[in-house]
Amino acid sequence: MGAIETLLQAEYFRTNRLILRLEEECMQRPKGSLVLKQRGSQDYAYIVKRESGKVVTEYIGKAGSWKVKGAEAKILERKRYEDELAEAAKQLVKLKKMMKASGVFFVEPTR
């Protein structure tokens, strides 16, 4: 096996491991979006998400509280990981095409 084939295989497995890690990170973060609703003169934060096909609203706390800021940071982290995951998936597709074109033998890793 040539150097290019070895490099392609190494990059393929590295990208696959990256995808698994990013999926794990996404699962550890809360799903949904942060929504502020005004009740009377106060603003309150909620996470809105889908569970089993239904929209679910989960109360977090008053807007500006530490709990709300923490939830907002975690949601932003999840969105960043999802963007990275999409890029890694695109890169994996390109690597597969390159490996097939060059005739490199590779085995799909199981999840």
C-alpha atoms as a PDB file:
ATOM      1  CA  MET A   1       0.000   0.000   0.000  1.00  0.00           C
ATOM      2  CA  GLY A   2       1.324   3.406  -0.941  1.00  0.00           C
ATOM      3  CA  ALA A   3       1.750   6.441   1.221  1.00  0.00           C
ATOM      4  CA  ILE A   4      -1.331   8.174  -0.193  1.00  0.00           C
ATOM      5  CA  GLU A   5      -3.548   5.163   0.502  1.00  0.00           C
ATOM      6  CA  THR A   6      -2.236   4.946   4.059  1.00  0.00           C
ATOM      7  CA  LEU A   7      -2.844   8.647   4.547  1.00  0.00           C
ATOM      8  CA  LEU A   8      -6.406   8.360   3.200  1.00  0.00           C
ATOM      9  CA  GLN A   9      -7.189   5.457   5.528  1.00  0.00           C
ATOM     10  CA  ALA A  10      -5.742   7.270   8.541  1.00  0.00           C
ATOM     11  CA  GLU A  11      -7.750  10.398   7.734  1.00  0.00           C
ATOM     12  CA  TYR A  12     -10.885   8.306   7.199  1.00  0.00           C
ATOM     13  CA  PHE A  13     -10.617   6.672  10.631  1.00  0.00           C
ATOM     14  CA  ARG A  14      -9.712   9.976  12.306  1.00  0.00           C
ATOM     15  CA  THR A  15     -12.762  11.662  10.779  1.00  0.00           C
ATOM     16  CA  ASN A  16     -14.972   8.753  11.794  1.00  0.00           C
ATOM     17  CA  ARG A  17     -13.760   8.994  15.415  1.00  0.00           C
ATOM     18  CA  LEU A  18     -14.364  12.761  15.305  1.00  0.00           C
ATOM     19  CA  ILE A  19     -17.954  12.191  14.166  1.00  0.00           C
ATOM     20  CA  LEU A  20     -18.579   9.736  17.013  1.00  0.00           C
ATOM     21  CA  ARG A  21     -17.139  12.173  19.562  1.00  0.00           C
ATOM     22  CA  LEU A  22     -19.202  15.083  18.210  1.00  0.00           C
ATOM     23  CA  GLU A  23     -22.395  12.990  18.299  1.00  0.00           C
ATOM     24  CA  GLU A  24     -21.617  12.107  21.929  1.00  0.00           C
ATOM     25  CA  GLU A  25     -21.067  15.784  22.789  1.00  0.00           C
ATOM     26  CA  CYS A  26     -24.360  16.757  21.119  1.00  0.00           C
ATOM     27  CA  MET A  27     -26.268  14.144  23.124  1.00  0.00           C
ATOM     28  CA  GLN A  28     -24.882  15.553  26.392  1.00  0.00           C
ATOM     29  CA  ARG A  29     -26.225  19.046  25.660  1.00  0.00           C
ATOM     30  CA  PRO A  30     -29.889  20.077  25.968  1.00  0.00           C
ATOM     31  CA  LYS A  31     -31.976  19.945  22.806  1.00  0.00           C
ATOM     32  CA  GLY A  32     -34.243  22.743  21.703  1.00  0.00           C
ATOM     33  CA  SER A  33     -34.090  26.513  21.632  1.00  0.00           C
ATOM     34  CA  LEU A  34     -34.135  29.115  24.349  1.00  0.00           C
ATOM     35  CA  VAL A  35     -37.250  31.319  24.309  1.00  0.00           C
ATOM     36  CA  LEU A  36     -38.001  34.351  26.465  1.00  0.00           C
ATOM     37  CA  LYS A  37     -41.632  34.992  27.388  1.00  0.00           C
ATOM     38  CA  GLN A  38     -42.953  38.016  29.190  1.00  0.00           C
ATOM     39  CA  ARG A  39     -45.354  37.370  32.044  1.00  0.00           C
ATOM     40  CA  GLY A  40     -46.540  40.591  33.581  1.00  0.00           C
ATOM     41  CA  SER A  41     -43.486  42.832  33.882  1.00  0.00           C
ATOM     42  CA  GLN A  42     -40.949  39.962  34.122  1.00  0.00           C
ATOM     43  CA  ASP A  43     -39.206  37.942  31.401  1.00  0.00           C
ATOM     44  CA  TYR A  44     -38.887  34.193  31.895  1.00  0.00           C
ATOM     45  CA  ALA A  45     -36.772  31.720  29.933  1.00  0.00           C
ATOM     46  CA  TYR A  46     -37.984  28.402  28.559  1.00  0.00           C
ATOM     47  CA  ILE A  47     -36.446  25.665  26.445  1.00  0.00           C
ATOM     48  CA  VAL A  48     -38.751  24.659  23.592  1.00  0.00           C
ATOM     49  CA  LYS A  49     -38.105  21.238  22.036  1.00  0.00           C
ATOM     50  CA  ARG A  50     -39.824  18.305  20.359  1.00  0.00           C
ATOM     51  CA  GLU A  51     -40.341  15.012  22.170  1.00  0.00           C
ATOM     52  CA  SER A  52     -42.237  12.176  20.486  1.00  0.00           C
ATOM     53  CA  GLY A  53     -43.586  14.545  17.846  1.00  0.00           C
ATOM     54  CA  LYS A  54     -44.972  17.035  20.367  1.00  0.00           C
ATOM     55  CA  VAL A  55     -43.661  20.483  21.227  1.00  0.00           C
ATOM     56  CA  VAL A  56     -42.599  20.603  24.875  1.00  0.00           C
ATOM     57  CA  THR A  57     -41.823  23.765  26.841  1.00  0.00           C
ATOM     58  CA  GLU A  58     -39.529  23.454  29.849  1.00  0.00           C
ATOM     59  CA  TYR A  59     -39.238  26.298  32.358  1.00  0.00           C
ATOM     60  CA  ILE A  60     -35.668  27.405  33.152  1.00  0.00           C
ATOM     61  CA  GLY A  61     -35.973  30.546  35.270  1.00  0.00           C
ATOM     62  CA  LYS A  62     -36.015  34.319  35.203  1.00  0.00           C
ATOM     63  CA  ALA A  63     -34.209  35.928  32.292  1.00  0.00           C
ATOM     64  CA  GLY A  64     -30.652  36.895  33.221  1.00  0.00           C
ATOM     65  CA  SER A  65     -30.250  34.325  35.995  1.00  0.00           C
ATOM     66  CA  TRP A  66     -27.187  32.077  36.155  1.00  0.00           C
ATOM     67  CA  LYS A  67     -29.251  29.021  35.352  1.00  0.00           C
ATOM     68  CA  VAL A  68     -30.553  30.644  32.155  1.00  0.00           C
ATOM     69  CA  LYS A  69     -27.069  31.802  31.138  1.00  0.00           C
ATOM     70  CA  GLY A  70     -25.744  28.274  31.677  1.00  0.00           C
ATOM     71  CA  ALA A  71     -28.529  26.733  29.595  1.00  0.00           C
ATOM     72  CA  GLU A  72     -27.941  29.280  26.841  1.00  0.00           C
ATOM     73  CA  ALA A  73     -24.206  28.487  26.778  1.00  0.00           C
ATOM     74  CA  LYS A  74     -24.902  24.744  26.556  1.00  0.00           C
ATOM     75  CA  ILE A  75     -27.377  25.242  23.701  1.00  0.00           C
ATOM     76  CA  LEU A  76     -24.838  27.364  21.811  1.00  0.00           C
ATOM     77  CA  GLU A  77     -22.211  24.649  22.373  1.00  0.00           C
ATOM     78  CA  ARG A  78     -24.583  22.016  20.974  1.00  0.00           C
ATOM     79  CA  LYS A  79     -25.252  24.119  17.887  1.00  0.00           C
ATOM     80  CA  ARG A  80     -21.515  24.605  17.356  1.00  0.00           C
ATOM     81  CA  TYR A  81     -20.947  20.844  17.679  1.00  0.00           C
ATOM     82  CA  GLU A  82     -23.781  20.189  15.209  1.00  0.00           C
ATOM     83  CA  ASP A  83     -22.127  22.524  12.692  1.00  0.00           C
ATOM     84  CA  GLU A  84     -18.787  20.742  13.170  1.00  0.00           C
ATOM     85  CA  LEU A  85     -20.567  17.400  12.791  1.00  0.00           C
ATOM     86  CA  ALA A  86     -22.081  18.453   9.470  1.00  0.00           C
ATOM     87  CA  GLU A  87     -18.650  19.539   8.193  1.00  0.00           C
ATOM     88  CA  ALA A  88     -17.060  16.268   9.321  1.00  0.00           C
ATOM     89  CA  ALA A  89     -19.805  14.274   7.593  1.00  0.00           C
ATOM     90  CA  LYS A  90     -19.145  16.165   4.342  1.00  0.00           C
ATOM     91  CA  GLN A  91     -15.427  15.470   4.701  1.00  0.00           C
ATOM     92  CA  LEU A  92     -16.119  11.769   5.290  1.00  0.00           C
ATOM     93  CA  VAL A  93     -18.160  11.560   2.080  1.00  0.00           C
ATOM     94  CA  LYS A  94     -15.295  13.175   0.142  1.00  0.00           C
ATOM     95  CA  LEU A  95     -12.798  10.755   1.688  1.00  0.00           C
ATOM     96  CA  LYS A  96     -14.953   7.767   0.710  1.00  0.00           C
ATOM     97  CA  LYS A  97     -15.101   8.997  -2.883  1.00  0.00           C
ATOM     98  CA  MET A  98     -11.342   9.519  -2.981  1.00  0.00           C
ATOM     99  CA  MET A  99     -10.693   6.079  -1.514  1.00  0.00           C
ATOM    100  CA  LYS A 100     -13.014   4.388  -4.007  1.00  0.00           C
ATOM    101  CA  ALA A 101     -11.432   6.278  -6.903  1.00  0.00           C
ATOM    102  CA  SER A 102      -7.926   5.267  -5.860  1.00  0.00           C
ATOM    103  CA  GLY A 103      -8.939   1.653  -5.176  1.00  0.00           C
ATOM    104  CA  VAL A 104      -8.142   1.730  -1.465  1.00  0.00           C
ATOM    105  CA  PHE A 105      -9.736  -1.059   0.527  1.00  0.00           C
ATOM    106  CA  PHE A 106     -11.590   0.160   3.609  1.00  0.00           C
ATOM    107  CA  VAL A 107     -14.044  -1.281   6.071  1.00  0.00           C
ATOM    108  CA  GLU A 108     -16.940   0.756   7.424  1.00  0.00           C
ATOM    109  CA  PRO A 109     -16.542   1.020  11.223  1.00  0.00           C
ATOM    110  CA  THR A 110     -19.560  -0.128  13.222  1.00  0.00           C
ATOM    111  CA  ARG A 111     -21.159   2.234  15.706  1.00  0.00           C
END
